[in-house]
Protein backbone atom coordinates (compact mmCIF):
# COMPACT_ATOMS: atom_id res chain seq x y z
CA MET A 1 -18.93 -18.20 61.33
CA ASP A 2 -16.80 -15.41 59.88
CA LYS A 3 -19.52 -13.55 57.95
CA GLY A 4 -19.97 -9.99 59.19
CA GLU A 5 -16.55 -9.78 60.90
CA LYS A 6 -14.93 -6.33 60.81
CA ILE A 7 -11.74 -5.88 58.81
CA LEU A 8 -9.63 -2.71 58.53
CA ILE A 9 -7.51 -2.21 55.41
CA VAL A 10 -4.54 0.18 55.74
CA GLU A 11 -3.18 0.89 52.24
CA ASP A 12 -1.82 4.09 50.66
CA SER A 13 -2.67 2.92 47.14
CA LEU A 14 -6.33 3.75 46.54
CA THR A 15 -6.54 1.28 43.65
CA GLN A 16 -5.16 -1.60 45.74
CA ALA A 17 -7.34 -0.67 48.72
CA MET A 18 -10.54 -0.58 46.66
CA ARG A 19 -9.72 -3.89 44.99
CA LEU A 20 -9.17 -5.58 48.37
CA ARG A 21 -12.23 -3.97 49.87
CA TYR A 22 -14.46 -5.12 47.00
CA LEU A 23 -13.12 -8.69 47.30
CA LEU A 24 -13.75 -8.91 51.07
CA GLU A 25 -17.16 -7.22 50.98
CA GLU A 26 -18.26 -9.60 48.26
CA TYR A 27 -17.77 -12.43 50.78
CA GLY A 28 -19.74 -10.71 53.55
CA TYR A 29 -17.05 -8.98 55.59
CA VAL A 30 -17.54 -5.45 56.96
CA VAL A 31 -14.62 -3.45 55.59
CA ARG A 32 -13.15 0.00 56.31
CA VAL A 33 -10.15 1.64 54.62
CA ALA A 34 -7.41 3.94 55.98
CA ALA A 35 -4.82 5.64 53.77
CA ASP A 36 -1.74 5.31 56.06
CA GLY A 37 -0.55 4.02 59.42
CA VAL A 38 -1.55 7.11 61.40
CA LYS A 39 -5.09 7.04 60.07
CA GLY A 40 -5.19 3.28 60.45
CA LEU A 41 -4.31 3.48 64.18
CA ALA A 42 -6.97 6.14 64.72
CA ALA A 43 -9.54 4.03 62.84
CA ALA A 44 -8.72 0.97 64.97
CA LYS A 45 -9.19 2.96 68.16
CA ALA A 46 -12.45 4.47 66.93
CA GLU A 47 -13.97 1.12 66.01
CA LYS A 48 -12.04 -2.00 66.86
CA PRO A 49 -11.78 -4.51 63.99
CA MET A 50 -11.15 -8.24 64.20
CA ILE A 51 -8.38 -8.13 61.58
CA ILE A 52 -6.11 -5.38 60.22
CA ILE A 53 -4.59 -5.98 56.81
CA THR A 54 -1.84 -3.39 56.34
CA ASP A 55 0.71 -2.60 53.68
CA VAL A 56 4.30 -2.38 54.91
CA MET A 57 5.59 0.57 52.85
CA MET A 58 3.51 3.68 53.66
CA PRO A 59 4.17 7.39 54.42
CA GLU A 60 3.81 8.89 57.90
CA MET A 61 3.81 5.48 59.64
CA ASP A 62 4.75 2.18 57.97
CA GLY A 63 3.08 -1.17 58.56
CA TYR A 64 5.69 -2.44 61.05
CA GLU A 65 5.27 0.59 63.30
CA LEU A 66 1.48 0.43 63.06
CA CYS A 67 1.59 -3.25 64.09
CA ALA A 68 3.90 -2.47 67.02
CA ARG A 69 1.56 0.34 68.19
CA ILE A 70 -1.43 -2.00 67.98
CA LYS A 71 0.32 -4.71 70.01
CA GLN A 72 1.48 -2.21 72.63
CA ASP A 73 -2.08 -0.96 73.23
CA GLU A 74 -3.85 -3.07 75.85
CA THR A 75 -7.21 -2.40 74.22
CA LEU A 76 -6.05 -3.29 70.71
CA LYS A 77 -3.34 -5.95 71.08
CA ASP A 78 -5.71 -8.86 70.43
CA ILE A 79 -6.43 -7.52 66.92
CA HIS A 80 -4.96 -9.92 64.35
CA VAL A 81 -2.48 -7.95 62.16
CA VAL A 82 -1.67 -9.23 58.66
CA LEU A 83 1.29 -7.62 56.86
CA LEU A 84 1.14 -7.15 53.08
CA THR A 85 4.73 -7.44 51.85
CA SER A 86 6.79 -8.73 48.97
CA LEU A 87 8.64 -10.95 51.45
CA SER A 88 11.78 -10.62 49.33
CA ASP A 89 14.17 -10.55 52.32
CA PRO A 90 14.29 -13.06 55.25
CA ARG A 91 14.66 -10.08 57.58
CA ASP A 92 11.04 -9.25 56.79
CA VAL A 93 10.09 -12.26 58.94
CA ILE A 94 12.29 -10.99 61.82
CA LYS A 95 10.70 -7.54 61.58
CA GLY A 96 7.27 -9.14 61.57
CA LEU A 97 8.03 -11.14 64.70
CA GLN A 98 9.56 -8.11 66.42
CA CYS A 99 6.53 -5.91 65.85
CA GLY A 100 4.16 -8.73 66.83
CA ALA A 101 2.62 -9.41 63.42
CA ASP A 102 0.30 -12.39 63.23
CA ASN A 103 0.49 -13.23 59.56
CA PHE A 104 1.97 -12.42 56.18
CA LEU A 105 0.44 -11.98 52.72
CA THR A 106 2.65 -11.49 49.68
CA LYS A 107 2.00 -8.89 47.01
CA PRO A 108 0.65 -9.44 44.48
CA TYR A 109 -1.74 -11.83 46.18
CA ASP A 110 -4.08 -14.44 44.77
CA ASN A 111 -7.76 -13.77 45.60
CA GLU A 112 -8.52 -17.33 46.70
CA GLN A 113 -5.36 -17.46 48.80
CA LEU A 114 -6.26 -14.21 50.58
CA LEU A 115 -9.82 -15.30 51.36
CA ARG A 116 -8.60 -18.68 52.59
CA ARG A 117 -6.03 -16.95 54.83
CA VAL A 118 -8.64 -14.62 56.36
CA HIS A 119 -10.89 -17.60 57.09
CA HIS A 120 -8.03 -19.51 58.76
CA ILE A 121 -7.09 -16.43 60.81
CA LEU A 122 -10.59 -16.15 62.22
CA ILE A 123 -10.55 -19.83 63.19
CA ASN A 124 -7.16 -19.43 64.91
CA ILE A 125 -8.40 -16.34 66.77
CA ALA A 126 -11.20 -18.43 68.26
CA MET A 127 -8.75 -21.18 69.19
CA ARG A 128 -6.24 -18.74 70.71
CA ARG A 129 -8.81 -17.28 73.06
CA ALA A 130 -8.69 -20.62 74.94
CA GLY A 131 -5.13 -19.92 76.15
CA ASN A 132 -2.02 -17.77 75.71
CA ALA A 133 1.61 -18.92 75.95
CA GLN A 134 4.05 -16.03 75.96
CA MET A 135 7.68 -16.71 75.25
CA SER A 136 10.84 -14.66 74.89
CA VAL A 137 13.73 -15.71 72.69
CA GLU A 138 16.95 -14.16 71.37
CA VAL A 139 18.08 -14.83 67.81
CA PHE A 140 21.16 -13.76 65.85
CA PHE A 141 20.43 -13.06 62.20
CA GLY A 142 21.85 -10.81 59.53
CA GLY A 143 24.74 -9.72 61.76
CA GLN A 144 22.44 -8.50 64.53
CA ARG A 145 20.93 -9.86 67.77
CA HIS A 146 17.14 -9.78 67.92
CA THR A 147 14.87 -10.32 70.97
CA LEU A 148 11.43 -11.66 70.10
CA THR A 149 8.51 -11.67 72.52
CA SER A 150 5.48 -13.44 71.07
CA ASP A 151 3.15 -16.19 72.07
CA ARG A 152 3.81 -19.59 70.61
CA VAL A 153 0.61 -19.70 68.62
CA GLN A 154 1.44 -16.34 67.03
CA ILE A 155 4.90 -17.55 66.04
CA ILE A 156 3.51 -20.78 64.65
CA ASP A 157 0.87 -18.85 62.65
CA LEU A 158 3.47 -16.47 61.33
CA LEU A 159 5.93 -19.18 60.37
CA LEU A 160 3.22 -21.39 58.88
CA SER A 161 1.95 -18.47 56.80
CA THR A 162 5.50 -17.78 55.70
CA PHE A 163 5.98 -21.45 54.80
CA GLU A 164 2.68 -21.48 52.92
CA LEU A 165 3.78 -18.43 50.96
CA ALA A 166 7.06 -20.13 50.13
CA VAL A 167 5.18 -23.21 48.93
CA LEU A 168 2.85 -21.08 46.81
CA GLN A 169 5.76 -19.18 45.33
CA ASN A 170 7.61 -22.43 44.62
CA THR A 171 4.48 -23.83 42.94
CA HIS A 172 4.21 -20.65 40.92
CA LEU A 173 7.88 -20.89 39.94
CA GLU A 174 7.42 -24.51 38.88
CA LYS A 175 4.44 -23.49 36.75
CA VAL A 176 6.41 -20.59 35.26
CA SER A 177 9.32 -22.96 34.62
CA ALA A 178 7.00 -25.46 32.92
CA ASP A 179 5.43 -22.68 30.87
CA TYR A 180 8.91 -21.50 29.94
CA ARG A 181 9.94 -24.98 28.87
CA ASN A 182 6.77 -25.31 26.81
CA ALA A 183 7.33 -21.88 25.29
CA LEU A 184 10.93 -22.81 24.52
CA GLU A 185 9.75 -25.96 22.78
CA ASP A 186 7.23 -23.88 20.83
CA VAL A 187 9.98 -21.46 19.83
CA LYS A 188 12.23 -24.33 18.76
CA SER A 189 9.36 -25.83 16.77
CA ALA A 190 8.60 -22.46 15.16
CA GLU A 191 12.28 -21.96 14.32
CA ALA A 192 12.42 -25.44 12.78
CA ASN A 193 9.30 -24.71 10.72
CA LEU A 194 10.75 -21.36 9.65
CA ARG A 195 14.03 -22.96 8.62
CA MET A 196 12.11 -25.61 6.67
CA LEU A 197 10.04 -22.94 4.88
CA MET A 198 13.18 -20.94 4.09
CA ASP A 199 14.96 -24.05 2.83
CA MET A 200 12.00 -24.93 0.58
CA ASN A 201 11.41 -21.40 -0.70
CA GLY A 202 11.91 -20.92 -4.44
CA ASP A 203 13.50 -17.49 -3.91
CA ALA A 204 17.05 -17.17 -2.65
CA ILE A 205 17.11 -16.20 1.04
CA VAL A 206 20.28 -14.77 2.59
CA VAL A 207 20.89 -13.64 6.17
CA VAL A 208 23.70 -11.08 6.48
CA ASP A 209 25.13 -9.93 9.83
CA ALA A 210 26.60 -6.57 10.87
CA ARG A 211 30.03 -7.60 9.56
CA HIS A 212 28.49 -8.20 6.12
CA LEU A 213 29.05 -11.97 6.48
CA VAL A 214 26.45 -14.48 5.27
CA ARG A 215 25.02 -16.33 8.29
CA TYR A 216 22.45 -18.39 6.39
CA VAL A 217 21.69 -19.15 2.77
CA ASN A 218 18.99 -21.48 1.44
CA PRO A 219 19.41 -24.06 -1.37
CA ALA A 220 17.59 -21.87 -3.92
CA ALA A 221 20.52 -19.43 -3.75
CA GLU A 222 22.68 -21.91 -5.64
CA GLY A 223 20.61 -21.37 -8.79
CA ILE A 224 20.59 -17.58 -8.40
CA PHE A 225 24.30 -17.10 -7.67
CA GLY A 226 25.63 -20.06 -9.64
CA ARG A 227 27.63 -21.25 -6.60
CA LYS A 228 27.28 -23.95 -3.95
CA VAL A 229 25.86 -23.03 -0.55
CA ASP A 230 29.26 -23.74 1.08
CA GLU A 231 30.87 -21.21 -1.27
CA ILE A 232 28.46 -18.48 -0.08
CA LEU A 233 28.02 -19.28 3.63
CA HIS A 234 30.28 -17.36 6.06
CA LYS A 235 31.68 -15.31 3.16
CA THR A 236 31.29 -11.56 2.59
CA PHE A 237 28.03 -10.80 0.80
CA ASP A 238 28.64 -9.52 -2.73
CA PHE A 239 26.20 -6.60 -2.68
CA PRO A 240 25.53 -3.52 -0.53
CA ILE A 241 22.57 -4.42 1.65
CA GLU A 242 20.08 -1.85 2.93
CA VAL A 243 16.47 -2.11 4.04
CA GLY A 244 14.23 -1.70 1.00
CA ARG A 245 14.07 -2.97 -2.56
CA GLN A 246 16.60 -2.83 -5.38
CA GLU A 247 17.53 -4.54 -8.63
CA ILE A 248 20.93 -6.19 -8.71
CA THR A 249 22.96 -7.75 -11.54
CA ILE A 250 24.51 -11.10 -10.61
CA LYS A 251 27.42 -12.60 -12.52
CA SER A 252 28.02 -16.31 -11.95
CA ALA A 253 31.40 -18.03 -12.05
CA SER A 254 30.58 -19.22 -15.58
CA GLY A 255 30.11 -15.62 -16.70
CA GLN A 256 26.34 -15.82 -16.99
CA ARG A 257 24.53 -12.65 -15.94
CA LEU A 258 21.06 -12.34 -14.50
CA ILE A 259 19.04 -9.52 -13.00
CA ALA A 260 17.38 -10.07 -9.62
CA ASP A 261 14.92 -8.27 -7.41
CA MET A 262 16.36 -8.04 -3.86
CA ARG A 263 14.11 -7.11 -0.92
CA VAL A 264 15.74 -6.54 2.46
CA VAL A 265 14.26 -6.30 5.98
CA SER A 266 15.82 -5.99 9.43
CA SER A 267 15.57 -9.09 11.59
CA LYS A 268 17.11 -11.08 14.45
CA TRP A 269 19.26 -14.18 14.07
CA ASP A 270 20.48 -16.02 17.16
CA GLY A 271 19.89 -12.82 19.13
CA GLU A 272 21.90 -10.62 16.73
CA ASP A 273 20.69 -7.79 14.50
CA VAL A 274 20.84 -8.94 10.88
CA HIS A 275 19.47 -8.17 7.43
CA LEU A 276 17.32 -10.78 5.74
CA ALA A 277 17.28 -10.58 1.94
CA THR A 278 14.97 -12.40 -0.46
CA ILE A 279 16.29 -12.51 -4.02
CA ARG A 280 14.25 -13.44 -7.10
CA ASP A 281 15.44 -13.88 -10.69
CA ILE A 282 13.59 -11.30 -12.83
CA THR A 283 15.83 -11.43 -15.90
CA GLU A 284 12.98 -12.39 -18.25
CA THR A 285 10.75 -9.69 -16.77
CA VAL A 286 13.43 -7.02 -17.17
CA VAL A 287 14.19 -8.10 -20.74
CA LEU A 288 10.49 -7.93 -21.57
CA ARG A 289 10.18 -4.58 -19.79
CA GLU A 290 13.13 -3.13 -21.74
CA ARG A 291 11.77 -4.55 -25.00
CA LEU A 292 8.37 -2.98 -24.37
CA ARG A 293 10.05 0.30 -23.41
CA THR A 294 12.16 0.20 -26.57
CA GLU A 295 9.16 -0.63 -28.71
CA SER A 296 7.17 2.19 -27.15
CA ILE A 297 9.76 4.77 -28.28
CA THR A 298 10.88 3.12 -31.53
CA ASP A 299 9.46 3.31 -35.05
CA GLN A 300 9.10 -0.30 -36.20
CA LEU A 301 9.52 0.41 -39.89
CA THR A 302 12.77 2.40 -39.81
CA GLY A 303 14.28 1.42 -36.44
CA LEU A 304 14.62 5.12 -35.55
CA TYR A 305 12.99 6.71 -32.54
CA ASN A 306 9.34 7.65 -32.92
CA ARG A 307 7.81 10.99 -31.91
CA ARG A 308 7.32 9.81 -28.32
CA GLY A 309 10.94 8.68 -28.10
CA LEU A 310 12.23 11.99 -29.44
CA MET A 311 10.07 14.01 -27.03
CA THR A 312 11.08 11.89 -24.03
CA LEU A 313 14.80 11.60 -24.69
CA GLY A 314 15.03 15.05 -26.28
CA GLU A 315 14.22 16.84 -23.04
CA ASN A 316 17.13 15.07 -21.38
CA GLN A 317 19.30 16.08 -24.33
CA LEU A 318 18.34 19.73 -23.82
CA LYS A 319 19.13 19.59 -20.08
CA LEU A 320 22.52 18.07 -20.82
CA ALA A 321 23.28 20.75 -23.42
CA ARG A 322 22.43 23.54 -20.97
CA ARG A 323 24.61 21.95 -18.30
CA ILE A 324 27.67 21.68 -20.58
CA LYS A 325 26.93 25.02 -22.31
CA LYS A 326 26.46 23.54 -25.79
CA ARG A 327 23.96 24.60 -28.42
CA VAL A 328 21.30 22.18 -29.70
CA MET A 329 20.21 22.07 -33.32
CA CYS A 330 16.90 20.62 -34.45
CA LEU A 331 16.73 19.50 -38.09
CA PHE A 332 13.27 18.84 -39.52
CA VAL A 333 13.14 16.75 -42.73
CA ASP A 334 10.32 16.03 -45.18
CA LEU A 335 10.68 13.65 -48.16
CA ASP A 336 9.90 15.21 -51.54
CA GLY A 337 7.51 13.27 -53.76
CA PHE A 338 6.64 10.63 -51.16
CA LYS A 339 2.91 10.67 -51.95
CA ILE A 340 3.68 10.17 -55.64
CA ILE A 341 5.81 7.10 -54.87
CA ASN A 342 3.01 5.59 -52.74
CA ASP A 343 0.35 6.35 -55.36
CA MET A 344 2.27 5.17 -58.43
CA LEU A 345 4.47 2.35 -57.10
CA GLY A 346 2.60 1.21 -54.00
CA HIS A 347 3.18 1.31 -50.27
CA GLU A 348 5.89 -1.34 -50.26
CA GLU A 349 8.04 0.93 -52.39
CA GLY A 350 7.09 3.87 -50.17
CA ASP A 351 8.19 1.89 -47.10
CA LYS A 352 11.52 1.12 -48.78
CA MET A 353 11.99 4.83 -49.47
CA LEU A 354 11.37 5.59 -45.77
CA ARG A 355 13.91 2.95 -44.69
CA ASP A 356 16.49 4.30 -47.14
CA ALA A 357 15.92 7.85 -45.87
CA ALA A 358 16.45 6.60 -42.30
CA GLN A 359 19.78 5.02 -43.31
CA ILE A 360 20.93 8.25 -45.00
CA LEU A 361 20.13 10.22 -41.83
CA LYS A 362 21.92 7.69 -39.59
CA GLN A 363 25.05 7.89 -41.79
CA ALA A 364 25.01 11.69 -41.76
CA PHE A 365 24.73 12.10 -37.97
CA ARG A 366 26.46 10.71 -34.89
CA GLU A 367 25.20 7.86 -32.68
CA THR A 368 24.72 10.36 -29.85
CA ASP A 369 22.33 12.46 -31.94
CA LEU A 370 18.63 11.68 -31.65
CA ILE A 371 17.08 10.73 -35.01
CA ALA A 372 13.36 10.07 -35.23
CA ARG A 373 10.58 9.45 -37.68
CA VAL A 374 7.93 11.82 -36.33
CA GLY A 375 5.24 11.45 -39.01
CA GLY A 376 4.43 9.69 -42.30
CA ASP A 377 7.41 11.00 -44.29
CA GLU A 378 8.70 13.46 -41.72
CA PHE A 379 11.92 13.07 -39.74
CA ALA A 380 13.59 15.12 -37.03
CA VAL A 381 17.14 15.18 -35.67
CA LEU A 382 18.22 16.67 -32.34
CA ALA A 383 21.98 17.20 -32.24
CA VAL A 384 24.24 18.73 -29.59
CA MET A 385 26.70 20.92 -31.50
CA SER A 386 30.43 20.78 -30.81
CA GLY A 387 32.42 23.96 -30.73
CA THR A 388 33.80 23.46 -34.26
CA GLU A 389 30.64 22.29 -36.01
CA SER A 390 28.25 24.51 -37.94
CA PRO A 391 24.73 23.70 -39.17
CA GLU A 392 25.92 24.29 -42.74
CA GLU A 393 28.46 21.48 -42.36
CA LEU A 394 25.81 19.07 -41.09
CA VAL A 395 23.42 19.98 -43.90
CA SER A 396 26.22 19.68 -46.45
CA ARG A 397 27.10 16.22 -45.13
CA LEU A 398 23.46 15.20 -45.37
CA GLN A 399 23.18 16.49 -48.95
CA ALA A 400 26.36 14.63 -49.90
CA ASN A 401 24.91 11.39 -48.51
CA ILE A 402 21.71 11.93 -50.50
CA ALA A 403 23.67 12.57 -53.71
CA ARG A 404 25.82 9.47 -53.14
CA TYR A 405 22.70 7.39 -52.52
CA ASN A 406 21.03 8.60 -55.73
CA ALA A 407 24.21 7.98 -57.73
CA ASN A 408 24.49 4.40 -56.55
CA CYS A 409 20.79 3.58 -56.53
CA CYS A 410 19.21 1.80 -59.50
CA ARG A 411 15.70 3.13 -58.84
CA GLN A 412 13.63 4.91 -61.43
CA TYR A 413 13.23 7.96 -59.16
CA PRO A 414 15.62 10.11 -57.09
CA LEU A 415 15.32 10.53 -53.32
CA ALA A 416 15.00 14.19 -52.30
CA MET A 417 14.51 15.96 -48.97
CA SER A 418 13.41 19.39 -47.83
CA PHE A 419 14.72 20.44 -44.44
CA GLY A 420 14.78 23.29 -41.96
CA THR A 421 17.01 23.96 -38.93
CA GLU A 422 16.51 25.73 -35.60
CA PHE A 423 18.78 26.34 -32.60
CA GLY A 424 17.78 26.09 -28.97
CA ASP A 425 18.55 29.11 -26.77
CA LEU A 426 20.72 27.97 -23.83
CA GLU A 427 19.47 30.74 -21.58
CA ALA A 428 15.77 30.32 -22.26
CA SER A 429 13.47 27.44 -21.36
CA CYS A 430 13.15 25.95 -24.84
CA SER A 431 11.30 22.66 -25.31
CA VAL A 432 11.75 19.97 -27.95
CA SER A 433 8.22 20.64 -29.18
CA LYS A 434 8.98 24.33 -29.82
CA LEU A 435 12.24 23.54 -31.61
CA MET A 436 10.43 21.08 -33.89
CA THR A 437 7.69 23.62 -34.65
CA TRP A 438 10.23 26.29 -35.64
CA ALA A 439 12.36 23.86 -37.66
CA ASP A 440 9.21 22.57 -39.41
CA LYS A 441 8.40 26.13 -40.42
CA ARG A 442 11.90 26.57 -41.88
CA MET A 443 11.47 23.28 -43.74
CA TYR A 444 8.29 24.48 -45.45
CA GLU A 445 10.07 27.70 -46.40
CA HIS A 446 12.80 25.56 -47.97
CA LYS A 447 10.25 23.37 -49.80
CA SER A 448 8.27 26.38 -51.07
CA GLY A 449 11.46 28.02 -52.31
CA LYS A 450 12.32 25.10 -54.54
CA LYS A 451 11.67 25.72 -58.21
CA CYS A 452 10.34 22.96 -60.33
CA VAL A 453 10.11 20.57 -57.41
CA GLY A 454 9.04 17.11 -58.50
CA SER A 455 9.86 13.46 -58.86
CA GLU A 456 10.31 11.32 -61.91
CA VAL A 457 8.56 8.00 -61.91
CA GLY A 458 8.49 5.75 -65.00
CA GLY A 459 9.97 8.56 -67.14
CA LYS A 460 7.27 11.04 -66.15
CA LYS A 461 7.68 14.06 -63.84
CA TYR A 462 5.03 14.79 -61.18
CA ASP A 463 4.70 17.88 -59.04
CA ASP A 464 5.31 17.28 -55.34
CA ASP A 465 2.31 17.44 -53.02
């Protein structure tokens, strides 16, 4: 019976108006739209609708005033006016009764509820045409006296619609409450699962609050820190904690040390901002890493640095020397007669000669000096010179060590070295490679200048290669 009935929408929000219009037209109603109360009143006078659905808050003329104007006009007062309101204040009902409103709809509205309300309104309009019972009543509400003049059916419709809205809102609240309870149970279940996973994790997990106190620690932390959970919980955390990754050294009560990888993220714990740290024992990995690093820069035969080690650490040595304004000396050493020893006595004897030469160099120089085997029988030393030292003193000390070695050694051949020295310029950008090249050149000058250079093996003398 209600298909084709005319409905006027008065709404200043174009989006809301178009949504409502599309919904009503889809169910066969003839719909027009006005942007405010002034335009809505003009539209109603131009073509009288059966129902006006109007927003309350609008510029120029609000919904209450529009409703009052409609009800005051003899030609329009039988139009059924529905107010769209949030209905957040009981005084909204009083205002609705005062202006003669017929019905309420809350925003945001449910589509099915709105269509059902429009259908009921049209049925009530047909029923109301059979009779009209005007009444006047005074009410005191909100500190004010209000006089209401409405017919009984209108008041009943308005109050019933208000009650229906209250029931719908209560149903909605119950659903929201049930959803909240279910969500809370889900959260509690998720928290329980998270706690279980943290408790079972093989890595230590520590939650630290803003005061640097431990709020949670899992059982695996006992093995990492060497202490019981109760000895860690609610105590100050032992390490600075910042978001990111770092290696830390942990010393247990028994004195045992281990190295751990600590990864920290920001998190929430019981509503507070905290840091969550996962800590894993990587002692074996670090030991292996350091061993590989050492092996990569160390000569296995002599225990000295290799060429790579000298180049890598030597650059740092040069930077340090420039910073403290000290000169750097590079000594390049070549063993005399090494090829003869290898050829006549074998490589095992040659290896022993290299190890003995390494020991002589280590005794002649300080632990802070870099000593390396850079080739087959070639050695290099990078030394930061003190203010009182001279290269002649270092060379003299080296020669004395060689002489002492030969005097105490029972071998059938003497150990001899040729060497050259070079200084790094503190003002210039001098590299380790350049220093070695220049010192190597001086070494060959020293070797070439030797007269009757050779080695005695088995009572015979052989020229050096």
